[in-house]
Amino acid sequence: MWSTAAAATVAVLDLRIIASLLFPAIATLSSWPQFADHLMWGACLGGTLHWLVRRRAIEERRNQAAKIRFRRAHHALPHR
């Protein structure tokens, strides 16, 4: 959600200020499709980052569980 809001802010800055100053041909185009493009980009970025963070957390939990199983298995072995 935050990434879509940030993309909307970037869209306003990009389409209203930067485009009119540096890219007049783009500024003459319809703003709504470009605005929607910025929003979709933000939503995709947010979804991707959420997925990556979630995947990393799952992998971390798996690694910790594997370490615990390893310690338990080796702790149960008789010492020489």
C-alpha atoms as a PDB file:
ATOM      1  CA  MET A   1       0.000   0.000   0.000  1.00  0.00           C
ATOM      2  CA  TRP A   2       2.798   2.421   0.896  1.00  0.00           C
ATOM      3  CA  SER A   3       4.494   1.805  -2.453  1.00  0.00           C
ATOM      4  CA  THR A   4       1.334   2.734  -4.372  1.00  0.00           C
ATOM      5  CA  ALA A   5       0.988   5.952  -2.374  1.00  0.00           C
ATOM      6  CA  ALA A   6       4.653   6.747  -3.014  1.00  0.00           C
ATOM      7  CA  ALA A   7       4.162   6.032  -6.722  1.00  0.00           C
ATOM      8  CA  ALA A   8       1.200   8.446  -6.769  1.00  0.00           C
ATOM      9  CA  THR A   9       3.424  11.124  -5.239  1.00  0.00           C
ATOM     10  CA  VAL A  10       6.133  10.419  -7.788  1.00  0.00           C
ATOM     11  CA  ALA A  11       3.522  10.543 -10.571  1.00  0.00           C
ATOM     12  CA  VAL A  12       2.358  14.006  -9.539  1.00  0.00           C
ATOM     13  CA  LEU A  13       5.941  15.237  -9.297  1.00  0.00           C
ATOM     14  CA  ASP A  14       6.927  13.530 -12.536  1.00  0.00           C
ATOM     15  CA  LEU A  15       3.898  14.437 -14.650  1.00  0.00           C
ATOM     16  CA  ARG A  16       3.174  17.930 -13.338  1.00  0.00           C
ATOM     17  CA  ILE A  17       6.634  19.368 -12.703  1.00  0.00           C
ATOM     18  CA  ILE A  18       9.414  17.378 -14.347  1.00  0.00           C
ATOM     19  CA  ALA A  19       7.559  16.582 -17.581  1.00  0.00           C
ATOM     20  CA  SER A  20       6.435  20.160 -18.107  1.00  0.00           C
ATOM     21  CA  LEU A  21       9.954  21.486 -17.565  1.00  0.00           C
ATOM     22  CA  LEU A  22      12.066  18.853 -19.304  1.00  0.00           C
ATOM     23  CA  PHE A  23       9.761  16.820 -21.537  1.00  0.00           C
ATOM     24  CA  PRO A  24       7.036  19.030 -23.015  1.00  0.00           C
ATOM     25  CA  ALA A  25       5.985  16.362 -25.528  1.00  0.00           C
ATOM     26  CA  ILE A  26       5.178  13.976 -22.667  1.00  0.00           C
ATOM     27  CA  ALA A  27       3.409  16.731 -20.745  1.00  0.00           C
ATOM     28  CA  THR A  28       0.951  17.130 -23.636  1.00  0.00           C
ATOM     29  CA  LEU A  29      -0.128  13.473 -23.431  1.00  0.00           C
ATOM     30  CA  SER A  30      -3.155  12.416 -21.420  1.00  0.00           C
ATOM     31  CA  SER A  31      -2.171  12.313 -17.744  1.00  0.00           C
ATOM     32  CA  TRP A  32      -4.495   9.551 -16.520  1.00  0.00           C
ATOM     33  CA  PRO A  33      -2.879   6.649 -18.427  1.00  0.00           C
ATOM     34  CA  GLN A  34       0.534   7.816 -17.252  1.00  0.00           C
ATOM     35  CA  PHE A  35      -0.756   8.192 -13.703  1.00  0.00           C
ATOM     36  CA  ALA A  36      -2.223   4.678 -13.848  1.00  0.00           C
ATOM     37  CA  ASP A  37       1.130   3.408 -15.122  1.00  0.00           C
ATOM     38  CA  HIS A  38       2.897   4.943 -12.117  1.00  0.00           C
ATOM     39  CA  LEU A  39       0.333   3.399  -9.743  1.00  0.00           C
ATOM     40  CA  MET A  40       0.692  -0.040 -11.308  1.00  0.00           C
ATOM     41  CA  TRP A  41       4.471   0.212 -11.111  1.00  0.00           C
ATOM     42  CA  GLY A  42       4.193   1.097  -7.415  1.00  0.00           C
ATOM     43  CA  ALA A  43       1.808  -1.783  -6.743  1.00  0.00           C
ATOM     44  CA  CYS A  44       4.114  -4.245  -8.518  1.00  0.00           C
ATOM     45  CA  LEU A  45       7.141  -2.949  -6.640  1.00  0.00           C
ATOM     46  CA  GLY A  46       5.328  -3.205  -3.308  1.00  0.00           C
ATOM     47  CA  GLY A  47       4.108  -6.715  -4.075  1.00  0.00           C
ATOM     48  CA  THR A  48       7.574  -7.841  -5.098  1.00  0.00           C
ATOM     49  CA  LEU A  49       9.233  -6.359  -2.015  1.00  0.00           C
ATOM     50  CA  HIS A  50       6.579  -7.909   0.232  1.00  0.00           C
ATOM     51  CA  TRP A  51       7.133 -11.297  -1.393  1.00  0.00           C
ATOM     52  CA  LEU A  52      10.917 -11.037  -1.016  1.00  0.00           C
ATOM     53  CA  VAL A  53      10.729 -10.046   2.650  1.00  0.00           C
ATOM     54  CA  ARG A  54       8.248 -12.814   3.379  1.00  0.00           C
ATOM     55  CA  ARG A  55      10.346 -15.402   1.538  1.00  0.00           C
ATOM     56  CA  ARG A  56      13.454 -14.328   3.447  1.00  0.00           C
ATOM     57  CA  ALA A  57      11.602 -14.643   6.762  1.00  0.00           C
ATOM     58  CA  ILE A  58      10.397 -18.136   5.844  1.00  0.00           C
ATOM     59  CA  GLU A  59      13.915 -19.188   4.834  1.00  0.00           C
ATOM     60  CA  GLU A  60      15.311 -17.790   8.076  1.00  0.00           C
ATOM     61  CA  ARG A  61      12.782 -19.790  10.119  1.00  0.00           C
ATOM     62  CA  ARG A  62      13.662 -22.932   8.160  1.00  0.00           C
ATOM     63  CA  ASN A  63      17.378 -22.370   8.715  1.00  0.00           C
ATOM     64  CA  GLN A  64      16.876 -21.842  12.435  1.00  0.00           C
ATOM     65  CA  ALA A  65      14.753 -24.990  12.674  1.00  0.00           C
ATOM     66  CA  ALA A  66      17.444 -26.953  10.797  1.00  0.00           C
ATOM     67  CA  LYS A  67      20.123 -25.645  13.200  1.00  0.00           C
ATOM     68  CA  ILE A  68      18.038 -26.719  16.183  1.00  0.00           C
ATOM     69  CA  ARG A  69      17.496 -30.189  14.703  1.00  0.00           C
ATOM     70  CA  PHE A  70      21.221 -30.465  13.965  1.00  0.00           C
ATOM     71  CA  ARG A  71      22.185 -29.474  17.516  1.00  0.00           C
ATOM     72  CA  ARG A  72      19.685 -31.891  19.018  1.00  0.00           C
ATOM     73  CA  ALA A  73      20.881 -34.735  16.794  1.00  0.00           C
ATOM     74  CA  HIS A  74      24.529 -34.124  17.620  1.00  0.00           C
ATOM     75  CA  HIS A  75      23.889 -33.523  21.278  1.00  0.00           C
ATOM     76  CA  ALA A  76      22.286 -36.964  21.507  1.00  0.00           C
ATOM     77  CA  LEU A  77      25.414 -38.678  20.158  1.00  0.00           C
ATOM     78  CA  PRO A  78      27.739 -40.196  22.761  1.00  0.00           C
ATOM     79  CA  HIS A  79      30.950 -38.266  23.344  1.00  0.00           C
ATOM     80  CA  ARG A  80      34.237 -39.957  22.520  1.00  0.00           C
END
